[in-house]
């Protein structure tokens, strides 16, 4: 993949989307060409409109089931020519048929060091467990809950008893850096799934 046409799905504020818009959009052949959400009032949609990126809402109430909603979303992304889908705070599972249309081309950023603390409330899970090292994972998306192959991780030690808000604030810049770096490296063809070992991600240095 030389460059990438990126579609972003987000359910909320969209700070990871904003990082992508600020750091990678329009550079190295990378273009964010579509931003979708399941929430019509998601701030992420406003961020897309502010820079002229097409946006759309796919609210569950407008479709008979999740599969129908996800197929409509997949068709919209395909029509935009998307070749990489980034889940940036998208709080829904994706149907298997959606994933089949973008094989090994859907990535997610998760606020924990997977496989620990998957799913919703990862930071709260980690705090309840009493961990002292928190982190961020970017991974390929499969049909499970945060079970896809890990691409990259970054950690920060927070001794004492931090609050969820403090952990979230500490992780936010890590999320932004790791997600942006991963999108750039995928666009350069430096990252992909190893077909002989599907749980392992192939990482190639730029000089190779």
C-alpha atoms as a PDB file:
ATOM      1  CA  UNK A   1       0.000   0.000   0.000  1.00  0.00           C
ATOM      2  CA  UNK A   2       1.610   3.283  -1.121  1.00  0.00           C
ATOM      3  CA  UNK A   3      -0.339   5.934   0.726  1.00  0.00           C
ATOM      4  CA  UNK A   4      -3.814   5.233   2.031  1.00  0.00           C
ATOM      5  CA  UNK A   5      -7.371   6.431   1.753  1.00  0.00           C
ATOM      6  CA  UNK A   6      -8.534   6.242   5.348  1.00  0.00           C
ATOM      7  CA  UNK A   7     -12.027   5.978   6.763  1.00  0.00           C
ATOM      8  CA  UNK A   8     -12.431   6.708  10.469  1.00  0.00           C
ATOM      9  CA  UNK A   9     -15.253   5.473  12.698  1.00  0.00           C
ATOM     10  CA  UNK A  10     -15.791   7.234  16.024  1.00  0.00           C
ATOM     11  CA  UNK A  11     -18.548   7.355  18.618  1.00  0.00           C
ATOM     12  CA  UNK A  12     -17.576  10.339  20.716  1.00  0.00           C
ATOM     13  CA  UNK A  13     -15.297  13.335  21.121  1.00  0.00           C
ATOM     14  CA  UNK A  14     -12.880  12.276  18.406  1.00  0.00           C
ATOM     15  CA  UNK A  15      -9.535  13.298  19.889  1.00  0.00           C
ATOM     16  CA  UNK A  16      -7.786  10.440  18.066  1.00  0.00           C
ATOM     17  CA  UNK A  17      -9.464  11.555  14.851  1.00  0.00           C
ATOM     18  CA  UNK A  18      -8.191  15.076  15.451  1.00  0.00           C
ATOM     19  CA  UNK A  19      -4.665  13.741  15.921  1.00  0.00           C
ATOM     20  CA  UNK A  20      -4.935  11.945  12.573  1.00  0.00           C
ATOM     21  CA  UNK A  21      -6.262  15.081  10.890  1.00  0.00           C
ATOM     22  CA  UNK A  22      -3.471  17.199  12.358  1.00  0.00           C
ATOM     23  CA  UNK A  23      -0.556  14.811  11.869  1.00  0.00           C
ATOM     24  CA  UNK A  24      -1.150  12.500   8.903  1.00  0.00           C
ATOM     25  CA  UNK A  25      -4.018  13.831   6.761  1.00  0.00           C
ATOM     26  CA  UNK A  26      -2.622  15.106   3.474  1.00  0.00           C
ATOM     27  CA  UNK A  27       0.895  13.767   4.111  1.00  0.00           C
ATOM     28  CA  UNK A  28       2.778  10.802   2.645  1.00  0.00           C
ATOM     29  CA  UNK A  29      -0.133  10.022   0.360  1.00  0.00           C
ATOM     30  CA  UNK A  30      -2.518   9.563   3.293  1.00  0.00           C
ATOM     31  CA  UNK A  31      -5.973  11.112   3.023  1.00  0.00           C
ATOM     32  CA  UNK A  32      -8.825  10.839   5.483  1.00  0.00           C
ATOM     33  CA  UNK A  33     -11.736  10.619   3.090  1.00  0.00           C
ATOM     34  CA  UNK A  34     -14.680   9.602   5.314  1.00  0.00           C
ATOM     35  CA  UNK A  35     -15.693   9.835   8.968  1.00  0.00           C
ATOM     36  CA  UNK A  36     -18.647   7.820  10.206  1.00  0.00           C
ATOM     37  CA  UNK A  37     -20.361   7.448  13.553  1.00  0.00           C
ATOM     38  CA  UNK A  38     -23.173   5.573  15.250  1.00  0.00           C
ATOM     39  CA  UNK A  39     -24.002   8.762  17.209  1.00  0.00           C
ATOM     40  CA  UNK A  40     -25.486  11.749  15.340  1.00  0.00           C
ATOM     41  CA  UNK A  41     -24.196  14.164  17.979  1.00  0.00           C
ATOM     42  CA  UNK A  42     -20.647  12.776  18.076  1.00  0.00           C
ATOM     43  CA  UNK A  43     -18.136  15.613  18.168  1.00  0.00           C
ATOM     44  CA  UNK A  44     -15.976  13.601  15.778  1.00  0.00           C
ATOM     45  CA  UNK A  45     -18.436  14.425  12.982  1.00  0.00           C
ATOM     46  CA  UNK A  46     -18.038  18.144  13.619  1.00  0.00           C
ATOM     47  CA  UNK A  47     -14.265  17.741  13.489  1.00  0.00           C
ATOM     48  CA  UNK A  48     -14.588  16.128  10.059  1.00  0.00           C
ATOM     49  CA  UNK A  49     -16.888  18.857   8.745  1.00  0.00           C
ATOM     50  CA  UNK A  50     -14.497  21.545   9.976  1.00  0.00           C
ATOM     51  CA  UNK A  51     -11.871  20.367   7.493  1.00  0.00           C
ATOM     52  CA  UNK A  52     -14.226  19.329   4.695  1.00  0.00           C
ATOM     53  CA  UNK A  53     -14.065  15.569   5.185  1.00  0.00           C
ATOM     54  CA  UNK A  54     -17.352  13.840   4.267  1.00  0.00           C
ATOM     55  CA  UNK A  55     -19.224  12.434   7.247  1.00  0.00           C
ATOM     56  CA  UNK A  56     -22.238  10.227   7.855  1.00  0.00           C
ATOM     57  CA  UNK A  57     -24.224   8.830  10.756  1.00  0.00           C
ATOM     58  CA  UNK A  58     -25.298   5.198  10.985  1.00  0.00           C
ATOM     59  CA  UNK A  59     -27.554   5.109  14.027  1.00  0.00           C
ATOM     60  CA  UNK A  60     -28.790   1.663  15.077  1.00  0.00           C
ATOM     61  CA  UNK A  61     -32.392   2.888  15.130  1.00  0.00           C
ATOM     62  CA  UNK A  62     -32.285   3.396  11.371  1.00  0.00           C
ATOM     63  CA  UNK A  63     -31.615  -0.275  10.546  1.00  0.00           C
ATOM     64  CA  UNK A  64     -33.301  -3.597  11.332  1.00  0.00           C
ATOM     65  CA  UNK A  65     -30.150  -5.058  12.904  1.00  0.00           C
ATOM     66  CA  UNK A  66     -26.427  -4.558  13.316  1.00  0.00           C
ATOM     67  CA  UNK A  67     -25.559  -6.460  10.150  1.00  0.00           C
ATOM     68  CA  UNK A  68     -27.746  -4.198   8.011  1.00  0.00           C
ATOM     69  CA  UNK A  69     -26.234  -1.107   9.620  1.00  0.00           C
ATOM     70  CA  UNK A  70     -22.674  -2.366   9.197  1.00  0.00           C
ATOM     71  CA  UNK A  71     -23.228  -3.342   5.567  1.00  0.00           C
ATOM     72  CA  UNK A  72     -24.587   0.129   4.822  1.00  0.00           C
ATOM     73  CA  UNK A  73     -21.525   1.589   6.498  1.00  0.00           C
ATOM     74  CA  UNK A  74     -19.207  -0.723   4.552  1.00  0.00           C
ATOM     75  CA  UNK A  75     -20.818   0.261   1.248  1.00  0.00           C
ATOM     76  CA  UNK A  76     -20.423   3.941   2.115  1.00  0.00           C
ATOM     77  CA  UNK A  77     -16.742   3.472   2.927  1.00  0.00           C
ATOM     78  CA  UNK A  78     -16.181   1.441  -0.239  1.00  0.00           C
ATOM     79  CA  UNK A  79     -17.852   4.160  -2.320  1.00  0.00           C
ATOM     80  CA  UNK A  80     -15.367   6.625  -0.820  1.00  0.00           C
ATOM     81  CA  UNK A  81     -12.499   4.408  -1.950  1.00  0.00           C
ATOM     82  CA  UNK A  82     -11.379   3.600   1.594  1.00  0.00           C
ATOM     83  CA  UNK A  83      -8.582   1.047   1.860  1.00  0.00           C
ATOM     84  CA  UNK A  84      -7.869   1.377   5.601  1.00  0.00           C
ATOM     85  CA  UNK A  85     -10.512   1.665   8.335  1.00  0.00           C
ATOM     86  CA  UNK A  86      -9.495   3.164  11.678  1.00  0.00           C
ATOM     87  CA  UNK A  87     -11.660   2.709  14.762  1.00  0.00           C
ATOM     88  CA  UNK A  88     -10.922   5.776  16.880  1.00  0.00           C
ATOM     89  CA  UNK A  89     -13.177   5.457  19.883  1.00  0.00           C
ATOM     90  CA  UNK A  90     -15.842   3.539  17.959  1.00  0.00           C
ATOM     91  CA  UNK A  91     -17.828   1.753  20.658  1.00  0.00           C
ATOM     92  CA  UNK A  92     -19.539  -0.948  18.597  1.00  0.00           C
ATOM     93  CA  UNK A  93     -18.527  -4.398  17.424  1.00  0.00           C
ATOM     94  CA  UNK A  94     -18.364  -4.790  13.660  1.00  0.00           C
ATOM     95  CA  UNK A  95     -20.210  -7.522  11.796  1.00  0.00           C
ATOM     96  CA  UNK A  96     -18.132 -10.301  10.230  1.00  0.00           C
ATOM     97  CA  UNK A  97     -19.274  -9.331   6.744  1.00  0.00           C
ATOM     98  CA  UNK A  98     -18.025  -5.770   7.278  1.00  0.00           C
ATOM     99  CA  UNK A  99     -14.615  -7.130   8.271  1.00  0.00           C
ATOM    100  CA  UNK A 100     -14.607  -9.473   5.257  1.00  0.00           C
ATOM    101  CA  UNK A 101     -14.863  -6.453   2.972  1.00  0.00           C
ATOM    102  CA  UNK A 102     -11.734  -4.936   4.522  1.00  0.00           C
ATOM    103  CA  UNK A 103      -9.528  -7.966   5.297  1.00  0.00           C
ATOM    104  CA  UNK A 104      -6.634  -7.040   7.610  1.00  0.00           C
ATOM    105  CA  UNK A 105      -7.454  -3.408   6.885  1.00  0.00           C
ATOM    106  CA  UNK A 106      -9.359  -2.456  10.047  1.00  0.00           C
ATOM    107  CA  UNK A 107      -7.382  -1.260  13.075  1.00  0.00           C
ATOM    108  CA  UNK A 108      -8.412  -0.144  16.550  1.00  0.00           C
ATOM    109  CA  UNK A 109      -6.787   1.771  19.394  1.00  0.00           C
ATOM    110  CA  UNK A 110      -7.548   0.450  22.887  1.00  0.00           C
ATOM    111  CA  UNK A 111      -6.614   2.051  26.245  1.00  0.00           C
ATOM    112  CA  UNK A 112      -4.996  -1.032  27.805  1.00  0.00           C
ATOM    113  CA  UNK A 113      -2.139  -3.448  27.221  1.00  0.00           C
ATOM    114  CA  UNK A 114      -4.041  -6.234  25.505  1.00  0.00           C
ATOM    115  CA  UNK A 115      -4.806  -9.043  26.054  1.00  0.00           C
ATOM    116  CA  UNK A 116      -5.385  -7.576  29.513  1.00  0.00           C
ATOM    117  CA  UNK A 117      -8.580  -5.580  30.095  1.00  0.00           C
ATOM    118  CA  UNK A 118     -10.449  -5.857  26.784  1.00  0.00           C
ATOM    119  CA  UNK A 119     -13.819  -4.285  26.126  1.00  0.00           C
ATOM    120  CA  UNK A 120     -15.547  -1.266  27.607  1.00  0.00           C
ATOM    121  CA  UNK A 121     -14.166   0.352  30.755  1.00  0.00           C
ATOM    122  CA  UNK A 122     -10.607  -0.865  30.256  1.00  0.00           C
ATOM    123  CA  UNK A 123      -9.086   1.825  32.462  1.00  0.00           C
ATOM    124  CA  UNK A 124     -11.569   1.161  35.229  1.00  0.00           C
ATOM    125  CA  UNK A 125     -10.852  -2.575  34.936  1.00  0.00           C
ATOM    126  CA  UNK A 126      -7.127  -1.933  35.285  1.00  0.00           C
ATOM    127  CA  UNK A 127      -7.626   0.308  38.309  1.00  0.00           C
ATOM    128  CA  UNK A 128      -9.845  -2.281  40.000  1.00  0.00           C
ATOM    129  CA  UNK A 129      -7.150  -4.900  39.433  1.00  0.00           C
ATOM    130  CA  UNK A 130      -4.561  -2.638  41.049  1.00  0.00           C
ATOM    131  CA  UNK A 131      -2.036  -2.459  38.209  1.00  0.00           C
ATOM    132  CA  UNK A 132       0.767   0.104  38.279  1.00  0.00           C
ATOM    133  CA  UNK A 133       1.585   0.058  34.570  1.00  0.00           C
ATOM    134  CA  UNK A 134      -1.069   1.258  32.130  1.00  0.00           C
ATOM    135  CA  UNK A 135      -0.882   1.399  28.385  1.00  0.00           C
ATOM    136  CA  UNK A 136      -2.287   1.589  24.892  1.00  0.00           C
ATOM    137  CA  UNK A 137      -2.595  -1.030  22.158  1.00  0.00           C
ATOM    138  CA  UNK A 138      -3.185  -0.645  18.432  1.00  0.00           C
ATOM    139  CA  UNK A 139      -4.384  -3.896  16.889  1.00  0.00           C
ATOM    140  CA  UNK A 140      -6.001  -5.363  13.825  1.00  0.00           C
ATOM    141  CA  UNK A 141      -9.714  -5.976  14.341  1.00  0.00           C
ATOM    142  CA  UNK A 142     -11.287  -9.414  14.175  1.00  0.00           C
ATOM    143  CA  UNK A 143     -14.734 -10.670  15.221  1.00  0.00           C
ATOM    144  CA  UNK A 144     -13.907 -10.783  18.923  1.00  0.00           C
ATOM    145  CA  UNK A 145     -13.769  -8.066  21.560  1.00  0.00           C
ATOM    146  CA  UNK A 146     -10.280  -6.565  21.242  1.00  0.00           C
ATOM    147  CA  UNK A 147      -8.847  -9.971  20.278  1.00  0.00           C
ATOM    148  CA  UNK A 148      -7.190  -9.145  16.946  1.00  0.00           C
ATOM    149  CA  UNK A 149      -3.429  -9.351  16.343  1.00  0.00           C
ATOM    150  CA  UNK A 150      -1.461  -6.729  18.263  1.00  0.00           C
ATOM    151  CA  UNK A 151       0.404  -4.218  16.098  1.00  0.00           C
ATOM    152  CA  UNK A 152       2.027  -1.955  18.687  1.00  0.00           C
ATOM    153  CA  UNK A 153       1.867  -1.102  22.369  1.00  0.00           C
ATOM    154  CA  UNK A 154       3.147   1.631  24.631  1.00  0.00           C
ATOM    155  CA  UNK A 155       3.090   1.796  28.424  1.00  0.00           C
ATOM    156  CA  UNK A 156       3.419   4.294  31.251  1.00  0.00           C
ATOM    157  CA  UNK A 157       4.036   3.580  34.929  1.00  0.00           C
ATOM    158  CA  UNK A 158       1.682   5.331  37.337  1.00  0.00           C
ATOM    159  CA  UNK A 159       2.465   4.386  40.946  1.00  0.00           C
ATOM    160  CA  UNK A 160       0.167   5.279  43.795  1.00  0.00           C
ATOM    161  CA  UNK A 161      -3.568   5.368  43.247  1.00  0.00           C
ATOM    162  CA  UNK A 162      -4.364   7.458  40.181  1.00  0.00           C
ATOM    163  CA  UNK A 163      -7.938   8.201  39.197  1.00  0.00           C
ATOM    164  CA  UNK A 164      -9.467   7.047  35.929  1.00  0.00           C
ATOM    165  CA  UNK A 165      -9.330  10.642  34.706  1.00  0.00           C
ATOM    166  CA  UNK A 166      -5.621  10.874  35.484  1.00  0.00           C
ATOM    167  CA  UNK A 167      -4.881   7.606  33.695  1.00  0.00           C
ATOM    168  CA  UNK A 168      -6.942   8.678  30.705  1.00  0.00           C
ATOM    169  CA  UNK A 169      -5.033  11.970  30.523  1.00  0.00           C
ATOM    170  CA  UNK A 170      -1.692  10.159  30.706  1.00  0.00           C
ATOM    171  CA  UNK A 171      -2.683   7.702  27.983  1.00  0.00           C
ATOM    172  CA  UNK A 172      -4.131  10.225  25.543  1.00  0.00           C
ATOM    173  CA  UNK A 173      -0.797  11.384  24.034  1.00  0.00           C
ATOM    174  CA  UNK A 174       0.344   7.761  23.821  1.00  0.00           C
ATOM    175  CA  UNK A 175      -2.819   6.889  21.904  1.00  0.00           C
ATOM    176  CA  UNK A 176      -2.313   9.761  19.493  1.00  0.00           C
ATOM    177  CA  UNK A 177       1.345   8.964  18.832  1.00  0.00           C
ATOM    178  CA  UNK A 178       0.881   5.219  18.475  1.00  0.00           C
ATOM    179  CA  UNK A 179      -2.185   5.463  16.230  1.00  0.00           C
ATOM    180  CA  UNK A 180      -0.690   8.075  13.914  1.00  0.00           C
ATOM    181  CA  UNK A 181       2.592   6.173  13.656  1.00  0.00           C
ATOM    182  CA  UNK A 182       0.751   2.941  12.868  1.00  0.00           C
ATOM    183  CA  UNK A 183      -1.344   4.516  10.109  1.00  0.00           C
ATOM    184  CA  UNK A 184       1.788   5.975   8.507  1.00  0.00           C
ATOM    185  CA  UNK A 185       3.615   2.654   8.674  1.00  0.00           C
ATOM    186  CA  UNK A 186       0.674   0.718   7.223  1.00  0.00           C
ATOM    187  CA  UNK A 187       0.460   3.274   4.399  1.00  0.00           C
ATOM    188  CA  UNK A 188       4.157   2.698   3.695  1.00  0.00           C
ATOM    189  CA  UNK A 189       3.658  -1.054   3.550  1.00  0.00           C
ATOM    190  CA  UNK A 190       5.742  -1.644   6.657  1.00  0.00           C
ATOM    191  CA  UNK A 191       3.039  -3.440   8.677  1.00  0.00           C
ATOM    192  CA  UNK A 192       0.835  -6.366   7.796  1.00  0.00           C
ATOM    193  CA  UNK A 193      -0.438  -9.726   9.077  1.00  0.00           C
ATOM    194  CA  UNK A 194       1.930 -12.665   8.645  1.00  0.00           C
ATOM    195  CA  UNK A 195      -0.131 -15.184   6.598  1.00  0.00           C
ATOM    196  CA  UNK A 196       1.846 -18.117   8.015  1.00  0.00           C
ATOM    197  CA  UNK A 197       1.202 -16.988  11.621  1.00  0.00           C
ATOM    198  CA  UNK A 198      -2.086 -15.054  11.685  1.00  0.00           C
ATOM    199  CA  UNK A 199      -1.663 -13.996  15.329  1.00  0.00           C
ATOM    200  CA  UNK A 200       1.629 -12.316  14.454  1.00  0.00           C
ATOM    201  CA  UNK A 201       2.033  -8.952  12.772  1.00  0.00           C
ATOM    202  CA  UNK A 202       4.820  -8.510  10.242  1.00  0.00           C
ATOM    203  CA  UNK A 203       6.768  -5.308  10.784  1.00  0.00           C
ATOM    204  CA  UNK A 204       9.313  -4.206   8.197  1.00  0.00           C
ATOM    205  CA  UNK A 205      11.727  -1.366   8.782  1.00  0.00           C
ATOM    206  CA  UNK A 206      11.692   1.393   6.179  1.00  0.00           C
ATOM    207  CA  UNK A 207      15.235   0.553   5.070  1.00  0.00           C
ATOM    208  CA  UNK A 208      14.483  -3.095   4.324  1.00  0.00           C
END
